[in-house]
């Protein structure tokens, strides 16, 4: 047996305690036989972020390529002008979502990121204009 190379998080399990008492370990691995490894030489295991469990999910990609690439989350300064944004952040950091996740920094951050991303997409759409595009439009007007 051989271990399939993994990318993403370094750990697959956490006791989900606060930062001082937290224990993180790589308990879960993806293994294959040598024969299987020859059939899928580009295979890679992606360790995702654990959200609702103490174990991180692992995704096995047999061709080594992710079909859908997530873009990095970026907080937009224009959101600070929206009262709705402040309200959502407050809600996500004060809500309790079960015994295991109450007050967990990483989980609160993830929930807030997801909620703000959806809100921004609904409010502003996917229309991302560069500064040059906006400047050209202003000149035309």
N, C-alpha and C. Protein backbone atom coordinates (compact mmCIF):
# COMPACT_ATOMS: atom_id res chain seq x y z
N UNK A 1 0.85 -1.19 0.00
CA UNK A 1 0.00 0.00 0.00
C UNK A 1 0.89 1.24 0.00
N UNK A 2 0.37 2.28 -0.63
CA UNK A 2 1.08 3.56 -0.64
C UNK A 2 0.07 4.68 -0.36
N UNK A 3 0.55 5.75 0.25
CA UNK A 3 -0.32 6.89 0.55
C UNK A 3 -0.36 7.82 -0.65
N UNK A 4 -1.57 8.25 -1.01
CA UNK A 4 -1.75 9.22 -2.09
C UNK A 4 -1.37 10.59 -1.53
N UNK A 5 -0.60 11.35 -2.28
CA UNK A 5 -0.19 12.70 -1.86
C UNK A 5 -1.43 13.54 -1.58
N UNK A 6 -1.37 14.35 -0.53
CA UNK A 6 -2.52 15.20 -0.18
C UNK A 6 -2.11 16.66 -0.20
N UNK A 7 -3.10 17.50 -0.49
CA UNK A 7 -2.93 18.95 -0.47
C UNK A 7 -4.07 19.54 0.32
N UNK A 8 -3.91 20.76 0.73
CA UNK A 8 -4.95 21.42 1.52
C UNK A 8 -4.48 21.51 2.96
N UNK A 9 -5.33 21.17 3.88
CA UNK A 9 -4.98 21.24 5.29
C UNK A 9 -3.95 20.19 5.68
N UNK A 10 -3.21 20.49 6.72
CA UNK A 10 -2.19 19.55 7.21
C UNK A 10 -2.79 18.53 8.17
N UNK A 11 -3.98 18.83 8.69
CA UNK A 11 -4.61 17.97 9.69
C UNK A 11 -5.98 17.53 9.20
N UNK A 12 -6.41 16.35 9.63
CA UNK A 12 -7.74 15.86 9.24
C UNK A 12 -8.69 15.73 10.43
N UNK A 13 -8.19 15.94 11.64
CA UNK A 13 -9.05 15.83 12.83
C UNK A 13 -8.64 16.90 13.84
N UNK A 14 -9.64 17.43 14.54
CA UNK A 14 -9.41 18.40 15.61
C UNK A 14 -10.40 18.14 16.72
N UNK A 15 -9.96 18.34 17.98
CA UNK A 15 -10.90 18.21 19.09
C UNK A 15 -11.78 19.44 19.23
N UNK A 16 -11.54 20.46 18.42
CA UNK A 16 -12.33 21.69 18.33
C UNK A 16 -12.46 22.43 19.66
N UNK A 17 -11.40 22.43 20.41
CA UNK A 17 -11.36 23.24 21.63
C UNK A 17 -10.82 24.61 21.27
N UNK A 18 -10.77 25.49 22.26
CA UNK A 18 -10.22 26.81 21.97
C UNK A 18 -8.74 26.68 21.61
N UNK A 19 -8.14 27.74 21.14
CA UNK A 19 -6.79 27.69 20.57
C UNK A 19 -5.75 27.09 21.53
N UNK A 20 -5.82 27.36 22.81
CA UNK A 20 -4.82 26.85 23.76
C UNK A 20 -4.91 25.35 23.95
N UNK A 21 -6.13 24.81 23.96
CA UNK A 21 -6.34 23.39 24.24
C UNK A 21 -6.61 22.55 22.99
N UNK A 22 -6.53 23.17 21.82
CA UNK A 22 -6.87 22.44 20.61
C UNK A 22 -5.80 21.41 20.26
N UNK A 23 -6.27 20.25 19.85
CA UNK A 23 -5.39 19.18 19.38
C UNK A 23 -5.75 18.92 17.93
N UNK A 24 -4.76 18.90 17.05
CA UNK A 24 -4.99 18.60 15.64
C UNK A 24 -4.05 17.48 15.21
N UNK A 25 -4.59 16.52 14.48
CA UNK A 25 -3.81 15.36 14.03
C UNK A 25 -4.21 15.00 12.61
N UNK A 26 -3.30 14.35 11.91
CA UNK A 26 -3.64 13.79 10.60
C UNK A 26 -3.97 12.32 10.83
N UNK A 27 -5.26 12.04 11.06
CA UNK A 27 -5.71 10.68 11.32
C UNK A 27 -6.14 9.97 10.04
N UNK A 28 -6.68 10.72 9.10
CA UNK A 28 -7.26 10.13 7.90
C UNK A 28 -6.30 10.29 6.72
N UNK A 29 -6.18 9.24 5.94
CA UNK A 29 -5.30 9.23 4.79
C UNK A 29 -5.97 8.48 3.65
N UNK A 30 -5.48 8.70 2.44
CA UNK A 30 -5.96 7.95 1.29
C UNK A 30 -4.83 7.02 0.87
N UNK A 31 -5.14 5.73 0.84
CA UNK A 31 -4.15 4.72 0.48
C UNK A 31 -4.57 4.01 -0.80
N UNK A 32 -3.58 3.50 -1.52
CA UNK A 32 -3.88 2.72 -2.72
C UNK A 32 -2.86 1.60 -2.86
N UNK A 33 -3.21 0.64 -3.70
CA UNK A 33 -2.25 -0.40 -4.04
C UNK A 33 -1.31 0.16 -5.11
N UNK A 34 -0.19 -0.49 -5.33
CA UNK A 34 0.74 -0.06 -6.37
C UNK A 34 0.08 -0.13 -7.74
N UNK A 35 -0.72 -1.16 -7.97
CA UNK A 35 -1.40 -1.31 -9.26
C UNK A 35 -2.34 -0.14 -9.52
N UNK A 36 -3.13 0.22 -8.51
CA UNK A 36 -4.05 1.34 -8.64
C UNK A 36 -3.26 2.62 -8.90
N UNK A 37 -2.14 2.80 -8.20
CA UNK A 37 -1.29 3.97 -8.39
C UNK A 37 -0.78 4.09 -9.81
N UNK A 38 -0.48 2.96 -10.46
CA UNK A 38 -0.04 3.00 -11.87
C UNK A 38 -1.19 3.37 -12.80
N UNK A 39 -2.42 2.98 -12.45
CA UNK A 39 -3.58 3.32 -13.27
C UNK A 39 -3.93 4.81 -13.17
N UNK A 40 -3.69 5.39 -11.98
CA UNK A 40 -4.04 6.80 -11.73
C UNK A 40 -2.82 7.53 -11.16
N UNK A 41 -1.81 7.76 -11.98
CA UNK A 41 -0.57 8.36 -11.48
C UNK A 41 -0.71 9.82 -11.03
N UNK A 42 -1.74 10.51 -11.50
CA UNK A 42 -1.95 11.92 -11.14
C UNK A 42 -2.89 12.09 -9.94
N UNK A 43 -3.33 11.01 -9.35
CA UNK A 43 -4.30 11.08 -8.25
C UNK A 43 -3.75 11.93 -7.10
N UNK A 44 -4.65 12.68 -6.51
CA UNK A 44 -4.28 13.54 -5.37
C UNK A 44 -5.48 13.61 -4.42
N UNK A 45 -5.19 13.70 -3.14
CA UNK A 45 -6.24 13.83 -2.12
C UNK A 45 -6.27 15.28 -1.64
N UNK A 46 -7.45 15.88 -1.66
CA UNK A 46 -7.62 17.27 -1.22
C UNK A 46 -8.27 17.24 0.16
N UNK A 47 -7.59 17.81 1.15
CA UNK A 47 -8.15 17.89 2.51
C UNK A 47 -8.89 19.21 2.61
N UNK A 48 -10.21 19.11 2.77
CA UNK A 48 -11.06 20.30 2.84
C UNK A 48 -11.14 20.81 4.28
N UNK A 49 -11.85 21.91 4.48
CA UNK A 49 -12.03 22.49 5.81
C UNK A 49 -13.19 21.78 6.51
N UNK A 50 -12.97 21.38 7.75
CA UNK A 50 -14.03 20.75 8.54
C UNK A 50 -14.99 21.83 9.03
N UNK A 51 -16.27 21.66 8.72
CA UNK A 51 -17.25 22.66 9.14
C UNK A 51 -18.19 22.09 10.19
N UNK A 52 -18.84 20.99 9.90
CA UNK A 52 -19.85 20.46 10.80
C UNK A 52 -19.40 19.16 11.47
N UNK A 53 -18.13 18.91 11.48
CA UNK A 53 -17.61 17.66 12.05
C UNK A 53 -16.22 17.93 12.61
N UNK A 54 -15.73 16.99 13.43
CA UNK A 54 -14.36 17.13 13.91
C UNK A 54 -13.36 16.52 12.92
N UNK A 55 -13.87 15.87 11.87
CA UNK A 55 -13.02 15.33 10.80
C UNK A 55 -13.17 16.18 9.55
N UNK A 56 -12.05 16.45 8.89
CA UNK A 56 -12.08 17.18 7.63
C UNK A 56 -12.41 16.21 6.49
N UNK A 57 -13.27 16.61 5.59
CA UNK A 57 -13.55 15.74 4.45
C UNK A 57 -12.33 15.67 3.51
N UNK A 58 -12.16 14.52 2.88
CA UNK A 58 -11.07 14.34 1.93
C UNK A 58 -11.69 13.99 0.58
N UNK A 59 -11.28 14.72 -0.45
CA UNK A 59 -11.77 14.48 -1.80
C UNK A 59 -10.64 13.87 -2.61
N UNK A 60 -10.91 12.73 -3.24
CA UNK A 60 -9.92 12.06 -4.07
C UNK A 60 -10.14 12.46 -5.52
N UNK A 61 -9.13 13.06 -6.13
CA UNK A 61 -9.19 13.42 -7.54
C UNK A 61 -8.28 12.47 -8.31
N UNK A 62 -8.87 11.62 -9.12
CA UNK A 62 -8.06 10.60 -9.81
C UNK A 62 -7.21 11.16 -10.92
N UNK A 63 -7.62 12.31 -11.51
CA UNK A 63 -6.81 12.91 -12.57
C UNK A 63 -5.98 14.09 -12.09
N UNK A 64 -6.01 14.37 -10.79
CA UNK A 64 -5.21 15.44 -10.21
C UNK A 64 -5.68 16.84 -10.50
N UNK A 65 -6.88 17.00 -11.06
CA UNK A 65 -7.37 18.32 -11.44
C UNK A 65 -8.73 18.55 -10.80
N UNK A 66 -8.90 19.71 -10.22
CA UNK A 66 -10.21 20.09 -9.70
C UNK A 66 -10.99 20.73 -10.83
N UNK A 67 -12.22 20.30 -11.01
CA UNK A 67 -13.03 20.85 -12.09
C UNK A 67 -13.50 22.27 -11.79
N UNK A 68 -13.86 22.52 -10.55
CA UNK A 68 -14.34 23.84 -10.17
C UNK A 68 -13.32 24.47 -9.22
N UNK A 69 -12.80 25.61 -9.61
CA UNK A 69 -11.81 26.28 -8.80
C UNK A 69 -12.50 27.37 -7.99
N UNK A 70 -12.35 27.29 -6.70
CA UNK A 70 -12.94 28.31 -5.84
C UNK A 70 -12.04 29.54 -5.87
N UNK A 71 -12.66 30.70 -5.95
CA UNK A 71 -11.85 31.90 -5.87
C UNK A 71 -11.71 32.29 -4.40
N UNK A 72 -10.63 32.94 -4.10
CA UNK A 72 -10.38 33.35 -2.73
C UNK A 72 -11.42 34.37 -2.28
N UNK A 73 -11.77 34.32 -1.01
CA UNK A 73 -12.70 35.27 -0.44
C UNK A 73 -11.97 36.58 -0.20
N UNK A 74 -12.59 37.66 -0.60
CA UNK A 74 -12.01 38.98 -0.35
C UNK A 74 -13.10 39.88 0.22
N UNK A 75 -12.81 40.45 1.37
CA UNK A 75 -13.75 41.38 1.99
C UNK A 75 -13.67 42.69 1.23
N UNK A 76 -14.80 43.18 0.79
CA UNK A 76 -14.85 44.43 0.02
C UNK A 76 -15.11 45.60 0.97
N UNK A 77 -14.29 46.64 0.87
CA UNK A 77 -14.45 47.79 1.77
C UNK A 77 -15.79 48.48 1.58
N UNK A 78 -16.38 48.41 0.38
CA UNK A 78 -17.69 49.03 0.15
C UNK A 78 -18.78 48.40 1.02
N UNK A 79 -18.56 47.17 1.46
CA UNK A 79 -19.55 46.51 2.31
C UNK A 79 -19.71 47.24 3.64
N UNK A 80 -18.66 47.92 4.09
CA UNK A 80 -18.71 48.63 5.37
C UNK A 80 -19.75 49.74 5.36
N UNK A 81 -20.12 50.21 4.18
CA UNK A 81 -21.13 51.25 4.06
C UNK A 81 -22.55 50.71 4.19
N UNK A 82 -22.67 49.40 4.18
CA UNK A 82 -23.98 48.75 4.23
C UNK A 82 -24.29 48.28 5.65
N UNK A 83 -25.38 48.78 6.21
CA UNK A 83 -25.80 48.37 7.55
C UNK A 83 -26.09 46.87 7.60
N UNK A 84 -26.59 46.34 6.49
CA UNK A 84 -26.90 44.92 6.38
C UNK A 84 -25.66 44.05 6.65
N UNK A 85 -24.53 44.51 6.17
CA UNK A 85 -23.28 43.76 6.33
C UNK A 85 -22.92 43.65 7.81
N UNK A 86 -22.94 44.76 8.51
CA UNK A 86 -22.61 44.76 9.94
C UNK A 86 -23.55 43.85 10.73
N UNK A 87 -24.82 43.89 10.37
CA UNK A 87 -25.82 43.07 11.04
C UNK A 87 -25.51 41.58 10.83
N UNK A 88 -25.17 41.21 9.60
CA UNK A 88 -24.88 39.79 9.32
C UNK A 88 -23.64 39.32 10.06
N UNK A 89 -22.61 40.13 10.11
CA UNK A 89 -21.39 39.75 10.83
C UNK A 89 -21.70 39.57 12.31
N UNK A 90 -22.44 40.51 12.89
CA UNK A 90 -22.83 40.39 14.30
C UNK A 90 -23.62 39.11 14.55
N UNK A 91 -24.57 38.81 13.67
CA UNK A 91 -25.39 37.59 13.82
C UNK A 91 -24.53 36.34 13.81
N UNK A 92 -23.61 36.25 12.86
CA UNK A 92 -22.80 35.04 12.73
C UNK A 92 -21.86 34.85 13.91
N UNK A 93 -21.40 35.93 14.52
CA UNK A 93 -20.45 35.80 15.64
C UNK A 93 -21.14 35.67 16.98
N UNK A 94 -22.47 35.94 17.03
CA UNK A 94 -23.17 35.80 18.31
C UNK A 94 -24.10 34.58 18.32
N UNK A 95 -24.42 34.02 17.16
CA UNK A 95 -25.26 32.81 17.10
C UNK A 95 -24.52 31.63 17.70
N UNK A 96 -25.27 30.72 18.25
CA UNK A 96 -24.69 29.45 18.71
C UNK A 96 -25.27 28.37 17.83
N UNK A 97 -24.40 27.59 17.23
CA UNK A 97 -24.81 26.58 16.25
C UNK A 97 -24.53 25.18 16.77
N UNK A 98 -24.73 24.97 18.02
CA UNK A 98 -24.49 23.64 18.58
C UNK A 98 -23.31 23.67 19.53
N UNK A 99 -23.26 22.73 20.39
CA UNK A 99 -22.27 22.65 21.47
C UNK A 99 -20.84 22.67 20.94
N UNK A 100 -20.56 21.95 19.84
CA UNK A 100 -19.19 21.80 19.36
C UNK A 100 -18.64 23.05 18.69
N UNK A 101 -19.51 23.91 18.19
CA UNK A 101 -19.03 25.02 17.40
C UNK A 101 -19.17 26.37 18.08
N UNK A 102 -19.78 26.42 19.22
CA UNK A 102 -20.01 27.69 19.89
C UNK A 102 -18.68 28.38 20.18
N UNK A 103 -18.51 29.56 19.59
CA UNK A 103 -17.33 30.35 19.88
C UNK A 103 -16.06 29.87 19.18
N UNK A 104 -16.14 28.91 18.29
CA UNK A 104 -14.96 28.45 17.59
C UNK A 104 -14.62 29.46 16.51
N UNK A 105 -13.47 30.06 16.61
CA UNK A 105 -13.06 31.13 15.71
C UNK A 105 -13.15 30.69 14.25
N UNK A 106 -12.56 29.55 13.94
CA UNK A 106 -12.51 29.07 12.56
C UNK A 106 -13.91 28.86 11.98
N UNK A 107 -14.80 28.28 12.77
CA UNK A 107 -16.16 28.02 12.30
C UNK A 107 -16.93 29.32 12.12
N UNK A 108 -16.80 30.25 13.07
CA UNK A 108 -17.47 31.54 12.95
C UNK A 108 -16.98 32.28 11.70
N UNK A 109 -15.68 32.23 11.46
CA UNK A 109 -15.11 32.89 10.29
C UNK A 109 -15.64 32.28 9.01
N UNK A 110 -15.70 30.96 8.95
CA UNK A 110 -16.19 30.26 7.76
C UNK A 110 -17.66 30.60 7.50
N UNK A 111 -18.50 30.56 8.55
CA UNK A 111 -19.92 30.87 8.38
C UNK A 111 -20.11 32.31 7.90
N UNK A 112 -19.32 33.23 8.46
CA UNK A 112 -19.42 34.63 8.08
C UNK A 112 -19.00 34.81 6.62
N UNK A 113 -17.94 34.14 6.22
CA UNK A 113 -17.46 34.22 4.84
C UNK A 113 -18.53 33.73 3.87
N UNK A 114 -19.14 32.61 4.17
CA UNK A 114 -20.17 32.04 3.29
C UNK A 114 -21.36 32.99 3.19
N UNK A 115 -21.80 33.50 4.34
CA UNK A 115 -22.97 34.38 4.35
C UNK A 115 -22.69 35.68 3.61
N UNK A 116 -21.53 36.29 3.83
CA UNK A 116 -21.19 37.54 3.15
C UNK A 116 -21.01 37.32 1.65
N UNK A 117 -20.43 36.20 1.28
CA UNK A 117 -20.25 35.91 -0.14
C UNK A 117 -21.58 35.80 -0.87
N UNK A 118 -22.53 35.08 -0.26
CA UNK A 118 -23.86 34.93 -0.87
C UNK A 118 -24.57 36.28 -0.92
N UNK A 119 -24.48 37.03 0.18
CA UNK A 119 -25.13 38.34 0.24
C UNK A 119 -24.57 39.27 -0.84
N UNK A 120 -23.26 39.29 -0.98
CA UNK A 120 -22.63 40.16 -1.97
C UNK A 120 -23.04 39.76 -3.39
N UNK A 121 -23.08 38.46 -3.65
CA UNK A 121 -23.48 37.99 -4.98
C UNK A 121 -24.92 38.40 -5.27
N UNK A 122 -25.82 38.27 -4.27
CA UNK A 122 -27.21 38.66 -4.44
C UNK A 122 -27.35 40.18 -4.63
N UNK A 123 -26.59 40.93 -3.86
CA UNK A 123 -26.71 42.39 -3.88
C UNK A 123 -26.02 43.03 -5.07
N UNK A 124 -24.81 42.59 -5.37
CA UNK A 124 -24.01 43.24 -6.40
C UNK A 124 -23.88 42.41 -7.67
N UNK A 125 -24.23 41.14 -7.62
CA UNK A 125 -24.07 40.27 -8.78
C UNK A 125 -22.61 39.94 -8.99
N UNK A 126 -22.31 39.36 -10.14
CA UNK A 126 -20.93 38.97 -10.44
C UNK A 126 -20.19 40.05 -11.23
N UNK A 127 -20.81 41.20 -11.39
CA UNK A 127 -20.24 42.25 -12.20
C UNK A 127 -19.03 42.89 -11.52
N UNK A 128 -17.85 42.52 -11.98
CA UNK A 128 -16.62 43.07 -11.42
C UNK A 128 -15.96 43.92 -12.49
N UNK A 129 -16.05 45.21 -12.37
CA UNK A 129 -15.40 46.09 -13.33
C UNK A 129 -14.06 46.55 -12.77
N UNK A 130 -13.07 46.60 -13.64
CA UNK A 130 -11.77 47.11 -13.22
C UNK A 130 -11.84 48.63 -13.16
N UNK A 131 -10.87 49.23 -12.54
CA UNK A 131 -10.80 50.69 -12.45
C UNK A 131 -10.73 51.29 -13.86
N UNK A 132 -9.99 50.63 -14.77
CA UNK A 132 -9.88 51.12 -16.15
C UNK A 132 -11.23 51.10 -16.85
N UNK A 133 -12.00 50.02 -16.65
CA UNK A 133 -13.33 49.92 -17.26
C UNK A 133 -14.25 51.04 -16.76
N UNK A 134 -14.20 51.29 -15.48
CA UNK A 134 -15.04 52.34 -14.89
C UNK A 134 -14.62 53.71 -15.41
N UNK A 135 -13.32 53.94 -15.50
CA UNK A 135 -12.81 55.22 -16.01
C UNK A 135 -13.26 55.44 -17.46
N UNK A 136 -13.22 54.39 -18.29
CA UNK A 136 -13.67 54.49 -19.68
C UNK A 136 -15.16 54.84 -19.73
N UNK A 137 -15.95 54.21 -18.88
CA UNK A 137 -17.39 54.49 -18.86
C UNK A 137 -17.66 55.93 -18.45
N UNK A 138 -16.89 56.41 -17.48
CA UNK A 138 -17.07 57.82 -17.04
C UNK A 138 -16.74 58.77 -18.18
N UNK A 139 -15.65 58.50 -18.91
CA UNK A 139 -15.27 59.36 -20.02
C UNK A 139 -16.35 59.38 -21.10
N UNK A 140 -16.94 58.20 -21.35
CA UNK A 140 -18.00 58.11 -22.35
C UNK A 140 -19.21 58.94 -21.92
N UNK A 141 -19.54 58.88 -20.64
CA UNK A 141 -20.69 59.65 -20.14
C UNK A 141 -20.39 61.13 -20.16
